[in-house]
Amino acid sequence: MKNTALITGASNGIGMELARIHASKGGNLVLVARNKTKLDQIKNELERQYNIKVFTIGKDLSIIDSAKEVFEETKRENIQIDYLINNAGFGDFGMFATTDWNKELEMINLNITTLTQFTKLYLQDMILRGSGKIMNVASTAAFQSGPTMAVYCATKAYVLSFSEAISNEVKDKGITVTILCPGATESGFQAAAAMEESTLVKGKKLPTAQEVANYGYTAMIAGKTVAIHGISNYIMANSVRFFPRAIVLKLARKFLGGDK
C-alpha cells in the first residue's frame, strides 16, 4: 500500500521539495497551499513522472478552522493520511512596535493554530490505526528569542515545545513526531519576511530547499524527534543553553541585523 503524505505550504520551497521526495518513493500526496494553480502544475508533473496520485487543495491556512476544512475534505474523498507534514509558515522582520499587527495575527494563526489543529485531527486517526508519522517544521529560531523577529521566533518555539511533548505522548502508539529545524534556507522565506538585507542572509551561501527537505524527510522516516539541519546550526541551537539569556539576546539581535 502506498503511504499518503499531506504537505502544507507545498507550492514552493521546502514543501514542494518534500512533495517531490515523497513522490519519488512512490507515495501519494495531498498538497495544500493558497496557490491552487501552482499546486495543480506540481500535481501534473509528479503524477506523470512517478505514476502516483496527487490531490490538491487550495486553502488559506492562516484562516481559523481552515485545517478542519482540509481534514473534512480528505474524509469526504476517503483519503487516509499516513504522513502529516506541517510545513506552511512565514515570518516578518522589524521592530515589534512598528510591524503590522494583521500580518502577525496571520502568522500566529498559521504557524501555531493551524499546525496544532492539523496535528490534533490527524493524530486521532493515527492512534486508532496504530501507525503514522508527523513532521512539524520549526526553525533554529525556536531555540532563542529573536529581537526584530519577536513573533516569528516565539511561534517556532511553540512548535518545538508542543511537538516534543506530543512525541513523548505517542511514543508507544506506533507514531513518531519529528521537528525539522532548518536555519536560513534558499526557499523564498527571506523575501516574504523582508529579510534580504539582514545579517542572517545577506551575502551568505545558504543551503537549498532540496537539501533541507532531503534531510528532514530522512529524519522523519527514521523517527528522529528533533532534526536540526547543518552542523553550524546544530552547534548554535544547542550552545545557547550555556550562556546567560541577556547575552544570547544581544547576539541574536546582532545576528538578525539590528534595527530596521
C-alpha atoms as a PDB file:
ATOM      1  CA  MET A   1       0.000   0.000   0.000  1.00  0.00           C
ATOM      2  CA  LYS A   2       1.284   3.466  -0.879  1.00  0.00           C
ATOM      3  CA  ASN A   3       1.728   5.875   2.017  1.00  0.00           C
ATOM      4  CA  THR A   4      -0.111   9.158   1.509  1.00  0.00           C
ATOM      5  CA  ALA A   5       1.511  12.336   2.785  1.00  0.00           C
ATOM      6  CA  LEU A   6      -0.355  15.587   3.379  1.00  0.00           C
ATOM      7  CA  ILE A   7       2.008  18.529   2.962  1.00  0.00           C
ATOM      8  CA  THR A   8       1.057  22.129   3.711  1.00  0.00           C
ATOM      9  CA  GLY A   9       2.819  25.040   2.048  1.00  0.00           C
ATOM     10  CA  ALA A  10       3.576  22.712  -0.860  1.00  0.00           C
ATOM     11  CA  SER A  11       3.548  25.230  -3.714  1.00  0.00           C
ATOM     12  CA  ASN A  12       7.216  26.225  -3.310  1.00  0.00           C
ATOM     13  CA  GLY A  13      10.366  25.928  -1.219  1.00  0.00           C
ATOM     14  CA  ILE A  14      10.849  23.130   1.281  1.00  0.00           C
ATOM     15  CA  GLY A  15       7.226  21.959   0.990  1.00  0.00           C
ATOM     16  CA  MET A  16       7.450  21.491  -2.763  1.00  0.00           C
ATOM     17  CA  GLU A  17      10.748  19.619  -2.423  1.00  0.00           C
ATOM     18  CA  LEU A  18       9.263  17.360   0.257  1.00  0.00           C
ATOM     19  CA  ALA A  19       6.439  16.548  -2.161  1.00  0.00           C
ATOM     20  CA  ARG A  20       8.936  15.596  -4.860  1.00  0.00           C
ATOM     21  CA  ILE A  21      10.884  13.386  -2.476  1.00  0.00           C
ATOM     22  CA  HIS A  22       7.784  11.560  -1.263  1.00  0.00           C
ATOM     23  CA  ALA A  23       6.552  11.101  -4.829  1.00  0.00           C
ATOM     24  CA  SER A  24       9.947   9.682  -5.843  1.00  0.00           C
ATOM     25  CA  LYS A  25       9.457   6.997  -3.154  1.00  0.00           C
ATOM     26  CA  GLY A  26       6.153   6.004  -4.786  1.00  0.00           C
ATOM     27  CA  GLY A  27       3.916   7.715  -2.238  1.00  0.00           C
ATOM     28  CA  ASN A  28       0.648   9.512  -2.944  1.00  0.00           C
ATOM     29  CA  LEU A  29       0.153  13.131  -1.917  1.00  0.00           C
ATOM     30  CA  VAL A  30      -2.335  15.675  -0.660  1.00  0.00           C
ATOM     31  CA  LEU A  31      -0.883  19.120  -1.327  1.00  0.00           C
ATOM     32  CA  VAL A  32      -2.277  22.204   0.395  1.00  0.00           C
ATOM     33  CA  ALA A  33      -1.462  25.873  -0.243  1.00  0.00           C
ATOM     34  CA  ARG A  34      -3.170  29.097  -1.289  1.00  0.00           C
ATOM     35  CA  ASN A  35      -1.961  28.873  -4.881  1.00  0.00           C
ATOM     36  CA  LYS A  36      -4.149  26.119  -6.350  1.00  0.00           C
ATOM     37  CA  THR A  37      -2.867  26.776  -9.877  1.00  0.00           C
ATOM     38  CA  LYS A  38       0.726  26.127  -8.812  1.00  0.00           C
ATOM     39  CA  LEU A  39      -0.322  23.028  -6.882  1.00  0.00           C
ATOM     40  CA  ASP A  40      -2.051  21.633  -9.965  1.00  0.00           C
ATOM     41  CA  GLN A  41       1.107  22.203 -12.012  1.00  0.00           C
ATOM     42  CA  ILE A  42       3.087  20.224  -9.431  1.00  0.00           C
ATOM     43  CA  LYS A  43       0.373  17.545  -9.406  1.00  0.00           C
ATOM     44  CA  ASN A  44       0.599  17.071 -13.175  1.00  0.00           C
ATOM     45  CA  GLU A  45       4.399  16.906 -13.056  1.00  0.00           C
ATOM     46  CA  LEU A  46       4.568  14.363 -10.236  1.00  0.00           C
ATOM     47  CA  GLU A  47       1.742  12.138 -11.472  1.00  0.00           C
ATOM     48  CA  ARG A  48       3.319  11.971 -14.912  1.00  0.00           C
ATOM     49  CA  GLN A  49       6.820  11.307 -13.615  1.00  0.00           C
ATOM     50  CA  TYR A  50       6.133   8.874 -10.766  1.00  0.00           C
ATOM     51  CA  ASN A  51       2.777   7.212 -11.537  1.00  0.00           C
ATOM     52  CA  ILE A  52       1.227   8.293  -8.249  1.00  0.00           C
ATOM     53  CA  LYS A  53      -1.963  10.117  -7.214  1.00  0.00           C
ATOM     54  CA  VAL A  54      -1.887  13.735  -6.090  1.00  0.00           C
ATOM     55  CA  PHE A  55      -4.899  15.544  -4.613  1.00  0.00           C
ATOM     56  CA  THR A  56      -4.655  19.339  -4.339  1.00  0.00           C
ATOM     57  CA  ILE A  57      -6.499  21.710  -2.026  1.00  0.00           C
ATOM     58  CA  GLY A  58      -6.310  25.473  -2.441  1.00  0.00           C
ATOM     59  CA  LYS A  59      -6.678  26.947   1.031  1.00  0.00           C
ATOM     60  CA  ASP A  60      -5.524  29.987   3.003  1.00  0.00           C
ATOM     61  CA  LEU A  61      -4.295  28.248   6.140  1.00  0.00           C
ATOM     62  CA  SER A  62      -3.980  31.493   8.097  1.00  0.00           C
ATOM     63  CA  ILE A  63      -7.783  31.462   8.458  1.00  0.00           C
ATOM     64  CA  ILE A  64      -9.158  29.898  11.637  1.00  0.00           C
ATOM     65  CA  ASP A  65     -10.586  26.380  11.149  1.00  0.00           C
ATOM     66  CA  SER A  66      -9.023  26.024   7.688  1.00  0.00           C
ATOM     67  CA  ALA A  67      -7.282  22.884   8.983  1.00  0.00           C
ATOM     68  CA  LYS A  68     -10.665  21.408   9.909  1.00  0.00           C
ATOM     69  CA  GLU A  69     -11.949  22.172   6.403  1.00  0.00           C
ATOM     70  CA  VAL A  70      -8.983  20.349   4.846  1.00  0.00           C
ATOM     71  CA  PHE A  71      -9.461  17.422   7.228  1.00  0.00           C
ATOM     72  CA  GLU A  72     -13.133  17.143   6.324  1.00  0.00           C
ATOM     73  CA  GLU A  73     -12.308  17.276   2.610  1.00  0.00           C
ATOM     74  CA  THR A  74      -9.843  14.390   2.898  1.00  0.00           C
ATOM     75  CA  LYS A  75     -12.503  12.459   4.816  1.00  0.00           C
ATOM     76  CA  ARG A  76     -15.060  13.048   2.067  1.00  0.00           C
ATOM     77  CA  GLU A  77     -12.538  11.858  -0.505  1.00  0.00           C
ATOM     78  CA  ASN A  78     -11.772   8.795   1.659  1.00  0.00           C
ATOM     79  CA  ILE A  79      -8.069   9.647   1.741  1.00  0.00           C
ATOM     80  CA  GLN A  80      -6.105   8.162   4.613  1.00  0.00           C
ATOM     81  CA  ILE A  81      -3.228  10.398   5.701  1.00  0.00           C
ATOM     82  CA  ASP A  82      -0.214   8.334   6.768  1.00  0.00           C
ATOM     83  CA  TYR A  83       2.308  11.183   6.963  1.00  0.00           C
ATOM     84  CA  LEU A  84       1.296  14.679   8.077  1.00  0.00           C
ATOM     85  CA  ILE A  85       3.857  17.363   7.209  1.00  0.00           C
ATOM     86  CA  ASN A  86       3.031  20.778   8.656  1.00  0.00           C
ATOM     87  CA  ASN A  87       5.413  22.883   6.587  1.00  0.00           C
ATOM     88  CA  ALA A  88       3.390  26.055   5.915  1.00  0.00           C
ATOM     89  CA  GLY A  89       4.570  29.120   7.792  1.00  0.00           C
ATOM     90  CA  PHE A  90       6.002  32.582   7.347  1.00  0.00           C
ATOM     91  CA  GLY A  91       7.886  35.260   9.257  1.00  0.00           C
ATOM     92  CA  ASP A  92       8.292  39.009   9.453  1.00  0.00           C
ATOM     93  CA  PHE A  93      11.270  41.247  10.136  1.00  0.00           C
ATOM     94  CA  GLY A  94      11.277  44.521  12.051  1.00  0.00           C
ATOM     95  CA  MET A  95      10.821  46.136  15.435  1.00  0.00           C
ATOM     96  CA  PHE A  96       7.661  44.825  17.080  1.00  0.00           C
ATOM     97  CA  ALA A  97       6.322  48.299  17.889  1.00  0.00           C
ATOM     98  CA  THR A  98       6.224  49.202  14.194  1.00  0.00           C
ATOM     99  CA  THR A  99       5.381  45.918  12.453  1.00  0.00           C
ATOM    100  CA  ASP A 100       1.958  45.089  11.014  1.00  0.00           C
ATOM    101  CA  TRP A 101      -0.396  43.508  13.579  1.00  0.00           C
ATOM    102  CA  ASN A 102      -2.646  41.951  10.942  1.00  0.00           C
ATOM    103  CA  LYS A 103       0.330  40.184   9.382  1.00  0.00           C
ATOM    104  CA  GLU A 104       1.442  38.985  12.818  1.00  0.00           C
ATOM    105  CA  LEU A 105      -2.023  37.677  13.612  1.00  0.00           C
ATOM    106  CA  GLU A 106      -2.000  35.698  10.356  1.00  0.00           C
ATOM    107  CA  MET A 107       1.458  34.396  11.306  1.00  0.00           C
ATOM    108  CA  ILE A 108       0.231  33.209  14.703  1.00  0.00           C
ATOM    109  CA  ASN A 109      -2.838  31.605  13.151  1.00  0.00           C
ATOM    110  CA  LEU A 110      -0.763  29.777  10.524  1.00  0.00           C
ATOM    111  CA  ASN A 111       2.404  28.922  12.444  1.00  0.00           C
ATOM    112  CA  ILE A 112       0.619  27.903  15.658  1.00  0.00           C
ATOM    113  CA  THR A 113      -3.149  27.460  15.468  1.00  0.00           C
ATOM    114  CA  THR A 114      -3.466  25.700  12.115  1.00  0.00           C
ATOM    115  CA  LEU A 115      -0.455  23.469  12.779  1.00  0.00           C
ATOM    116  CA  THR A 116      -1.886  22.460  16.155  1.00  0.00           C
ATOM    117  CA  GLN A 117      -5.355  21.745  14.748  1.00  0.00           C
ATOM    118  CA  PHE A 118      -3.956  19.663  11.881  1.00  0.00           C
ATOM    119  CA  THR A 119      -1.903  17.671  14.370  1.00  0.00           C
ATOM    120  CA  LYS A 120      -4.873  17.003  16.655  1.00  0.00           C
ATOM    121  CA  LEU A 121      -7.231  15.971  13.855  1.00  0.00           C
ATOM    122  CA  TYR A 122      -4.918  13.583  12.013  1.00  0.00           C
ATOM    123  CA  LEU A 123      -3.202  12.275  15.144  1.00  0.00           C
ATOM    124  CA  GLN A 124      -6.500  10.893  16.425  1.00  0.00           C
ATOM    125  CA  ASP A 125      -6.872   8.767  13.295  1.00  0.00           C
ATOM    126  CA  MET A 126      -3.242   7.653  13.500  1.00  0.00           C
ATOM    127  CA  ILE A 127      -3.732   6.493  17.085  1.00  0.00           C
ATOM    128  CA  LEU A 128      -6.765   4.431  16.057  1.00  0.00           C
ATOM    129  CA  ARG A 129      -4.682   2.760  13.316  1.00  0.00           C
ATOM    130  CA  GLY A 130      -1.587   2.405  15.463  1.00  0.00           C
ATOM    131  CA  SER A 131       0.691   3.979  12.855  1.00  0.00           C
ATOM    132  CA  GLY A 132       1.649   7.301  11.325  1.00  0.00           C
ATOM    133  CA  LYS A 133       4.315   9.962  11.055  1.00  0.00           C
ATOM    134  CA  ILE A 134       4.098  13.689  11.708  1.00  0.00           C
ATOM    135  CA  MET A 135       6.683  16.294  10.805  1.00  0.00           C
ATOM    136  CA  ASN A 136       6.233  19.822  12.084  1.00  0.00           C
ATOM    137  CA  VAL A 137       8.608  22.355  10.566  1.00  0.00           C
ATOM    138  CA  ALA A 138      10.024  24.737  13.164  1.00  0.00           C
ATOM    139  CA  SER A 139      13.334  26.591  12.788  1.00  0.00           C
ATOM    140  CA  THR A 140      16.651  27.184  14.533  1.00  0.00           C
ATOM    141  CA  ALA A 141      14.811  30.346  15.638  1.00  0.00           C
ATOM    142  CA  ALA A 142      12.885  28.077  18.026  1.00  0.00           C
ATOM    143  CA  PHE A 143      15.868  27.848  20.365  1.00  0.00           C
ATOM    144  CA  GLN A 144      16.180  31.515  21.347  1.00  0.00           C
ATOM    145  CA  SER A 145      14.223  34.755  21.438  1.00  0.00           C
ATOM    146  CA  GLY A 146      14.730  36.912  18.357  1.00  0.00           C
ATOM    147  CA  PRO A 147      14.753  40.709  18.570  1.00  0.00           C
ATOM    148  CA  THR A 148      13.486  42.078  15.206  1.00  0.00           C
ATOM    149  CA  MET A 149      11.705  38.739  14.660  1.00  0.00           C
ATOM    150  CA  ALA A 150       9.958  38.524  18.020  1.00  0.00           C
ATOM    151  CA  VAL A 151       6.651  36.957  16.987  1.00  0.00           C
ATOM    152  CA  TYR A 152       8.149  34.554  14.446  1.00  0.00           C
ATOM    153  CA  CYS A 153      10.716  33.174  16.914  1.00  0.00           C
ATOM    154  CA  ALA A 154       8.012  32.797  19.547  1.00  0.00           C
ATOM    155  CA  THR A 155       5.774  30.841  17.158  1.00  0.00           C
ATOM    156  CA  LYS A 156       8.609  28.475  16.294  1.00  0.00           C
ATOM    157  CA  ALA A 157       9.467  27.998  19.975  1.00  0.00           C
ATOM    158  CA  TYR A 158       5.860  26.893  20.399  1.00  0.00           C
ATOM    159  CA  VAL A 159       6.160  24.411  17.523  1.00  0.00           C
ATOM    160  CA  LEU A 160       9.278  22.880  19.089  1.00  0.00           C
ATOM    161  CA  SER A 161       7.858  22.655  22.620  1.00  0.00           C
ATOM    162  CA  PHE A 162       4.441  21.389  21.517  1.00  0.00           C
ATOM    163  CA  SER A 163       5.849  18.798  19.119  1.00  0.00           C
ATOM    164  CA  GLU A 164       8.382  17.411  21.595  1.00  0.00           C
ATOM    165  CA  ALA A 165       5.576  16.910  24.113  1.00  0.00           C
ATOM    166  CA  ILE A 166       3.333  15.165  21.572  1.00  0.00           C
ATOM    167  CA  SER A 167       6.245  12.983  20.504  1.00  0.00           C
ATOM    168  CA  ASN A 168       6.541  11.718  24.082  1.00  0.00           C
ATOM    169  CA  GLU A 169       2.786  11.147  24.383  1.00  0.00           C
ATOM    170  CA  VAL A 170       2.604   8.883  21.313  1.00  0.00           C
ATOM    171  CA  LYS A 171       5.958   7.100  21.506  1.00  0.00           C
ATOM    172  CA  ASP A 172       4.290   3.789  22.449  1.00  0.00           C
ATOM    173  CA  LYS A 173       1.468   4.073  19.892  1.00  0.00           C
ATOM    174  CA  GLY A 174       3.364   3.345  16.678  1.00  0.00           C
ATOM    175  CA  ILE A 175       3.577   7.040  15.776  1.00  0.00           C
ATOM    176  CA  THR A 176       6.590   9.331  15.511  1.00  0.00           C
ATOM    177  CA  VAL A 177       6.712  13.119  15.623  1.00  0.00           C
ATOM    178  CA  THR A 178       9.678  14.904  14.048  1.00  0.00           C
ATOM    179  CA  ILE A 179      10.509  18.594  14.414  1.00  0.00           C
ATOM    180  CA  LEU A 180      12.551  19.852  11.469  1.00  0.00           C
ATOM    181  CA  CYS A 181      14.607  22.904  12.430  1.00  0.00           C
ATOM    182  CA  PRO A 182      16.281  24.464   9.398  1.00  0.00           C
ATOM    183  CA  GLY A 183      18.368  27.610   9.523  1.00  0.00           C
ATOM    184  CA  ALA A 184      18.250  30.230   6.779  1.00  0.00           C
ATOM    185  CA  THR A 185      17.438  28.438   3.514  1.00  0.00           C
ATOM    186  CA  GLU A 186      17.088  29.371  -0.158  1.00  0.00           C
ATOM    187  CA  SER A 187      13.325  28.988  -0.147  1.00  0.00           C
ATOM    188  CA  GLY A 188      11.641  32.344  -0.716  1.00  0.00           C
ATOM    189  CA  PHE A 189      11.146  32.765   3.042  1.00  0.00           C
ATOM    190  CA  GLN A 190      13.509  35.740   3.281  1.00  0.00           C
ATOM    191  CA  ALA A 191      11.673  37.707   0.604  1.00  0.00           C
ATOM    192  CA  ALA A 192       8.318  37.055   2.256  1.00  0.00           C
ATOM    193  CA  ALA A 193       9.727  38.182   5.602  1.00  0.00           C
ATOM    194  CA  ALA A 194      11.525  41.230   4.069  1.00  0.00           C
ATOM    195  CA  MET A 195      14.855  39.879   5.335  1.00  0.00           C
ATOM    196  CA  GLU A 196      17.063  40.147   2.252  1.00  0.00           C
ATOM    197  CA  GLU A 197      19.229  42.856   3.860  1.00  0.00           C
ATOM    198  CA  SER A 198      19.580  41.199   7.273  1.00  0.00           C
ATOM    199  CA  THR A 199      22.955  39.963   8.510  1.00  0.00           C
ATOM    200  CA  LEU A 200      21.472  36.475   8.682  1.00  0.00           C
ATOM    201  CA  VAL A 201      21.221  36.102   4.910  1.00  0.00           C
ATOM    202  CA  LYS A 202      22.924  38.987   3.077  1.00  0.00           C
ATOM    203  CA  GLY A 203      25.973  37.738   1.187  1.00  0.00           C
ATOM    204  CA  LYS A 204      25.606  34.213   2.606  1.00  0.00           C
ATOM    205  CA  LYS A 205      25.576  30.955   0.661  1.00  0.00           C
ATOM    206  CA  LEU A 206      22.502  29.254   2.009  1.00  0.00           C
ATOM    207  CA  PRO A 207      21.524  25.574   1.787  1.00  0.00           C
ATOM    208  CA  THR A 208      18.901  24.823  -0.833  1.00  0.00           C
ATOM    209  CA  ALA A 209      15.324  23.874  -0.065  1.00  0.00           C
ATOM    210  CA  GLN A 210      16.045  20.481  -1.644  1.00  0.00           C
ATOM    211  CA  GLU A 211      18.946  19.835   0.755  1.00  0.00           C
ATOM    212  CA  VAL A 212      16.845  20.742   3.786  1.00  0.00           C
ATOM    213  CA  ALA A 213      13.889  18.700   2.540  1.00  0.00           C
ATOM    214  CA  ASN A 214      16.058  15.619   1.985  1.00  0.00           C
ATOM    215  CA  TYR A 215      17.465  15.919   5.492  1.00  0.00           C
ATOM    216  CA  GLY A 216      14.015  16.408   7.034  1.00  0.00           C
ATOM    217  CA  TYR A 217      12.357  13.583   5.132  1.00  0.00           C
ATOM    218  CA  THR A 218      15.125  11.152   6.104  1.00  0.00           C
ATOM    219  CA  ALA A 219      14.807  12.208   9.750  1.00  0.00           C
ATOM    220  CA  MET A 220      11.032  11.722   9.652  1.00  0.00           C
ATOM    221  CA  ILE A 221      11.298   8.231   8.191  1.00  0.00           C
ATOM    222  CA  ALA A 222      13.882   7.351  10.845  1.00  0.00           C
ATOM    223  CA  GLY A 223      11.586   8.646  13.594  1.00  0.00           C
ATOM    224  CA  LYS A 224      14.068  11.260  14.826  1.00  0.00           C
ATOM    225  CA  THR A 225      12.460  13.765  17.173  1.00  0.00           C
ATOM    226  CA  VAL A 226      14.486  16.973  16.774  1.00  0.00           C
ATOM    227  CA  ALA A 227      16.235  17.343  13.419  1.00  0.00           C
ATOM    228  CA  ILE A 228      18.492  20.413  13.100  1.00  0.00           C
ATOM    229  CA  HIS A 229      19.869  20.848   9.599  1.00  0.00           C
ATOM    230  CA  GLY A 230      23.565  21.730   9.341  1.00  0.00           C
ATOM    231  CA  ILE A 231      26.378  21.306  11.853  1.00  0.00           C
ATOM    232  CA  SER A 232      26.745  25.057  12.464  1.00  0.00           C
ATOM    233  CA  ASN A 233      23.019  25.347  13.122  1.00  0.00           C
ATOM    234  CA  TYR A 234      23.201  22.367  15.487  1.00  0.00           C
ATOM    235  CA  ILE A 235      26.051  23.937  17.454  1.00  0.00           C
ATOM    236  CA  MET A 236      24.346  27.330  17.593  1.00  0.00           C
ATOM    237  CA  ALA A 237      20.981  25.910  18.665  1.00  0.00           C
ATOM    238  CA  ASN A 238      22.497  23.884  21.486  1.00  0.00           C
ATOM    239  CA  SER A 239      25.128  26.370  22.658  1.00  0.00           C
ATOM    240  CA  VAL A 240      22.557  28.964  23.752  1.00  0.00           C
ATOM    241  CA  ARG A 241      21.848  26.840  26.817  1.00  0.00           C
ATOM    242  CA  PHE A 242      25.329  27.611  28.176  1.00  0.00           C
ATOM    243  CA  PHE A 243      25.172  31.424  28.013  1.00  0.00           C
ATOM    244  CA  PRO A 244      23.199  33.976  30.062  1.00  0.00           C
ATOM    245  CA  ARG A 245      19.929  34.862  28.337  1.00  0.00           C
ATOM    246  CA  ALA A 246      20.866  38.559  28.156  1.00  0.00           C
ATOM    247  CA  ILE A 247      23.983  37.675  26.149  1.00  0.00           C
ATOM    248  CA  VAL A 248      22.010  35.369  23.860  1.00  0.00           C
ATOM    249  CA  LEU A 249      19.524  38.188  23.188  1.00  0.00           C
ATOM    250  CA  LYS A 250      22.305  40.610  22.254  1.00  0.00           C
ATOM    251  CA  LEU A 251      23.911  38.084  19.927  1.00  0.00           C
ATOM    252  CA  ALA A 252      20.561  37.255  18.329  1.00  0.00           C
ATOM    253  CA  ARG A 253      19.861  40.959  17.742  1.00  0.00           C
ATOM    254  CA  LYS A 254      23.250  41.385  16.053  1.00  0.00           C
ATOM    255  CA  PHE A 255      22.870  38.177  14.043  1.00  0.00           C
ATOM    256  CA  LEU A 256      19.422  39.117  12.731  1.00  0.00           C
ATOM    257  CA  GLY A 257      20.643  42.500  11.594  1.00  0.00           C
ATOM    258  CA  GLY A 258      19.767  45.025  14.277  1.00  0.00           C
ATOM    259  CA  ASP A 259      17.284  47.822  13.738  1.00  0.00           C
ATOM    260  CA  LYS A 260      15.143  48.089  10.658  1.00  0.00           C
END
